[in-house]
N, C-alpha and C. Protein backbone atom coordinates (compact mmCIF):
# COMPACT_ATOMS: atom_id res chain seq x y z
N UNK A 1 93.82 103.30 86.96
CA UNK A 1 93.12 104.20 88.05
C UNK A 1 92.92 103.62 89.45
N UNK A 2 92.94 104.55 89.95
CA UNK A 2 92.78 104.01 91.72
C UNK A 2 91.41 104.67 92.23
N UNK A 3 90.76 104.14 92.89
CA UNK A 3 89.42 104.70 93.33
C UNK A 3 90.08 104.75 95.04
N UNK A 4 89.72 106.29 94.93
CA UNK A 4 90.14 106.72 96.75
C UNK A 4 88.73 106.87 97.40
N UNK A 5 88.71 106.69 98.78
CA UNK A 5 87.35 106.67 99.51
C UNK A 5 87.62 107.58 100.61
N UNK A 6 86.66 108.25 100.95
CA UNK A 6 86.84 109.31 102.00
C UNK A 6 85.73 108.58 103.14
N UNK A 7 85.85 108.41 104.56
CA UNK A 7 85.04 108.01 105.40
C UNK A 7 84.85 109.22 106.57
N UNK A 8 83.77 109.28 107.10
CA UNK A 8 83.65 109.83 108.34
C UNK A 8 83.99 111.30 108.47
N UNK A 9 84.66 111.73 109.16
CA UNK A 9 84.80 113.32 109.17
C UNK A 9 85.74 113.74 107.85
N UNK A 10 86.40 112.78 107.23
CA UNK A 10 86.82 113.44 106.18
C UNK A 10 86.07 113.65 104.96
N UNK A 11 85.08 112.76 105.02
CA UNK A 11 84.17 112.96 103.69
C UNK A 11 83.41 114.02 103.81
N UNK A 12 83.01 114.46 105.07
CA UNK A 12 82.05 115.16 105.78
C UNK A 12 83.00 116.64 105.07
N UNK A 13 84.20 116.97 105.45
CA UNK A 13 84.84 118.06 105.67
C UNK A 13 85.17 118.21 103.85
N UNK A 14 85.81 117.49 103.28
CA UNK A 14 86.14 117.09 101.89
C UNK A 14 84.79 117.52 101.11
N UNK A 15 83.82 117.10 101.32
CA UNK A 15 82.56 117.20 100.50
C UNK A 15 82.46 115.96 99.48
N UNK A 16 83.17 115.34 99.56
CA UNK A 16 83.51 114.10 98.46
C UNK A 16 83.56 112.61 99.03
N UNK A 17 82.98 111.62 98.64
CA UNK A 17 83.29 110.32 99.31
C UNK A 17 84.00 109.40 98.54
N UNK A 18 84.05 109.71 97.35
CA UNK A 18 85.07 108.75 96.54
C UNK A 18 85.44 109.66 95.07
N UNK A 19 86.78 109.41 94.55
CA UNK A 19 87.24 110.12 93.44
C UNK A 19 88.19 109.02 93.03
N UNK A 20 88.39 109.19 91.55
CA UNK A 20 89.51 108.24 90.85
C UNK A 20 90.81 109.29 90.41
N UNK A 21 91.71 108.55 90.70
CA UNK A 21 93.01 109.22 90.50
C UNK A 21 93.89 108.34 89.04
N UNK A 22 94.85 108.94 88.62
CA UNK A 22 95.71 108.05 87.82
C UNK A 22 96.75 107.39 88.51
N UNK A 23 96.74 106.08 88.51
CA UNK A 23 97.60 105.10 89.09
C UNK A 23 99.04 105.48 88.43
N UNK A 24 99.46 105.70 87.54
CA UNK A 24 100.63 106.28 87.24
C UNK A 24 101.47 107.37 87.59
N UNK A 25 100.65 108.32 88.13
CA UNK A 25 100.98 109.42 89.25
C UNK A 25 101.45 109.14 90.71
N UNK A 26 100.80 107.93 91.09
CA UNK A 26 100.60 107.75 92.51
C UNK A 26 101.31 106.11 92.78
N UNK A 27 102.37 106.11 92.79
CA UNK A 27 103.03 104.99 93.08
C UNK A 27 102.68 104.22 94.45
N UNK A 28 102.89 105.22 95.26
CA UNK A 28 102.37 104.46 96.90
C UNK A 28 101.52 105.72 97.41
N UNK A 29 101.21 105.06 98.67
CA UNK A 29 100.21 106.09 99.60
C UNK A 29 100.64 107.39 99.93
N UNK A 30 102.23 107.50 100.27
CA UNK A 30 102.29 108.94 100.59
C UNK A 30 102.52 109.54 99.41
N UNK A 31 102.67 109.27 98.14
CA UNK A 31 102.78 110.07 97.03
C UNK A 31 101.13 110.62 96.54
N UNK A 32 100.30 109.62 96.71
CA UNK A 32 98.69 109.99 96.84
C UNK A 32 98.38 110.89 97.66
N UNK A 33 98.64 110.84 98.74
CA UNK A 33 98.12 111.54 99.64
C UNK A 33 98.91 113.05 99.62
N UNK A 34 100.12 113.10 99.45
CA UNK A 34 101.09 114.59 99.05
C UNK A 34 100.16 114.99 97.82
N UNK A 35 99.77 114.38 96.40
CA UNK A 35 98.87 114.93 95.61
C UNK A 35 97.47 115.47 95.85
N UNK A 36 96.94 114.56 96.99
CA UNK A 36 95.58 115.10 97.36
C UNK A 36 95.74 116.39 98.11
N UNK A 37 96.57 116.28 98.92
CA UNK A 37 96.90 117.63 99.85
C UNK A 37 97.27 119.02 98.63
N UNK A 38 97.52 118.65 97.75
CA UNK A 38 98.20 119.77 96.78
C UNK A 38 97.13 120.24 96.18
N UNK A 39 95.97 119.77 96.37
CA UNK A 39 94.65 120.48 95.47
C UNK A 39 94.38 121.90 95.93
N UNK A 40 94.34 122.21 97.31
CA UNK A 40 94.52 123.30 97.96
C UNK A 40 94.27 123.23 99.55
N UNK A 41 94.58 124.55 100.05
CA UNK A 41 94.81 124.59 101.49
C UNK A 41 93.65 123.64 102.32
N UNK A 42 92.60 123.79 101.81
CA UNK A 42 91.46 122.89 102.57
C UNK A 42 91.78 121.32 102.55
N UNK A 43 92.07 120.63 101.42
CA UNK A 43 92.43 119.57 101.52
C UNK A 43 93.66 119.11 102.27
N UNK A 44 94.79 120.02 102.35
CA UNK A 44 96.09 119.82 103.30
C UNK A 44 95.53 119.82 104.35
N UNK A 45 94.92 120.75 104.75
CA UNK A 45 94.79 120.63 106.30
C UNK A 45 93.86 119.53 106.86
N UNK A 46 92.56 119.12 106.08
CA UNK A 46 92.04 118.29 106.15
C UNK A 46 92.46 116.68 106.25
N UNK A 47 93.76 116.43 105.38
CA UNK A 47 94.28 115.29 105.45
C UNK A 47 95.61 115.39 106.03
N UNK A 48 96.21 116.44 106.80
CA UNK A 48 97.14 116.63 107.46
C UNK A 48 97.32 115.92 108.60
N UNK A 49 96.61 115.17 109.31
CA UNK A 49 96.62 114.45 110.63
C UNK A 49 97.70 113.56 110.43
N UNK A 50 98.33 113.11 111.51
CA UNK A 50 99.54 112.05 111.71
C UNK A 50 98.88 110.91 111.93
N UNK A 51 97.76 110.90 112.24
CA UNK A 51 97.01 109.58 112.85
C UNK A 51 95.65 109.07 111.70
N UNK A 52 95.70 109.90 110.58
CA UNK A 52 94.82 109.36 109.31
C UNK A 52 95.27 107.92 109.25
N UNK A 53 94.42 107.30 109.16
CA UNK A 53 94.46 105.67 108.71
C UNK A 53 94.22 105.50 107.44
N UNK A 54 94.86 104.25 106.80
CA UNK A 54 94.43 104.05 105.11
C UNK A 54 94.55 102.47 105.35
N UNK A 55 93.44 102.43 104.23
CA UNK A 55 93.34 100.78 103.70
C UNK A 55 93.20 100.78 102.50
N UNK A 56 94.07 99.61 101.79
CA UNK A 56 94.16 99.40 100.53
C UNK A 56 93.48 98.13 100.37
N UNK A 57 92.37 97.94 99.33
CA UNK A 57 91.53 96.69 99.13
C UNK A 57 90.96 96.22 100.32
N UNK A 58 90.36 96.99 101.28
CA UNK A 58 89.86 96.73 102.59
C UNK A 58 90.82 96.35 103.55
N UNK A 59 92.11 96.18 103.41
CA UNK A 59 93.04 95.94 104.51
C UNK A 59 93.87 97.06 104.68
N UNK A 60 93.77 97.24 106.37
CA UNK A 60 94.67 98.15 106.74
C UNK A 60 96.21 98.34 106.35
N UNK A 61 96.55 99.31 106.04
CA UNK A 61 97.97 99.34 105.55
C UNK A 61 98.75 100.67 105.87
N UNK A 62 99.93 101.09 105.39
CA UNK A 62 100.61 102.09 105.74
C UNK A 62 100.99 103.05 104.58
N UNK A 63 101.36 104.04 104.87
CA UNK A 63 101.58 104.93 103.93
C UNK A 63 102.99 104.94 102.85
N UNK A 64 103.38 103.82 103.04
CA UNK A 64 104.58 103.45 102.30
C UNK A 64 104.25 102.27 101.16
N UNK A 65 102.90 101.85 101.61
CA UNK A 65 102.48 100.81 100.50
C UNK A 65 102.36 101.31 98.95
N UNK A 66 102.71 100.26 98.20
CA UNK A 66 102.75 100.47 96.82
C UNK A 66 101.44 100.13 96.20
N UNK A 67 100.94 101.07 95.42
CA UNK A 67 99.80 100.70 94.82
C UNK A 67 99.84 100.44 93.22
N UNK A 68 98.37 99.86 92.70
CA UNK A 68 98.66 99.45 91.39
C UNK A 68 97.15 99.84 90.98
N UNK A 69 97.30 100.02 89.48
CA UNK A 69 95.80 100.28 89.00
C UNK A 69 94.86 99.19 89.47
N UNK A 70 93.64 99.72 89.74
CA UNK A 70 92.67 99.02 90.11
C UNK A 70 92.48 98.85 91.97
N UNK A 71 93.64 99.41 92.13
CA UNK A 71 93.39 99.43 93.85
C UNK A 71 92.37 100.30 94.43
N UNK A 72 91.77 100.00 95.47
CA UNK A 72 90.81 100.96 96.31
C UNK A 72 91.47 101.52 97.51
N UNK A 73 91.61 102.45 97.44
CA UNK A 73 92.29 103.34 98.86
C UNK A 73 91.32 104.21 99.48
N UNK A 74 91.37 103.42 100.68
CA UNK A 74 90.33 104.41 101.85
C UNK A 74 91.05 105.07 103.04
N UNK A 75 90.78 106.33 102.97
CA UNK A 75 91.23 107.23 104.09
C UNK A 75 90.05 107.29 105.33
N UNK A 76 90.44 107.24 106.53
CA UNK A 76 89.36 107.36 107.55
C UNK A 76 90.21 107.95 108.59
N UNK A 77 89.69 108.41 109.77
CA UNK A 77 89.98 108.95 110.90
C UNK A 77 90.24 107.74 111.91
N UNK A 78 90.94 107.70 112.97
CA UNK A 78 91.10 106.41 113.76
C UNK A 78 89.90 106.16 114.40
N UNK A 79 89.59 104.99 114.64
CA UNK A 79 88.22 104.49 114.98
C UNK A 79 88.72 104.24 116.42
N UNK A 80 87.56 104.68 117.47
CA UNK A 80 87.81 104.32 118.78
C UNK A 80 86.12 104.02 119.06
N UNK A 81 86.04 103.13 120.29
CA UNK A 81 85.06 102.52 120.61
C UNK A 81 85.08 102.29 121.88
N UNK A 82 83.98 101.55 122.69
CA UNK A 82 83.88 101.12 124.16
C UNK A 82 82.69 100.35 124.26
């Protein structure tokens, strides 16, 4: 299983902060993202941003990164500050 976390506006828009998905069906971040978007139009629109950021096991990563059972994947909007 892979633990998927959603932060900030993503969490608010999706109405969920975390879920678990089968690691066998999600070999990399892009496949995971595509599978999440396939849930319905609301998920697709919410996760469609090209600037969506991802971290695997609390390390910033990219959408081509390979996933393994036990990984924690976090999706969040770009962080700005000042």
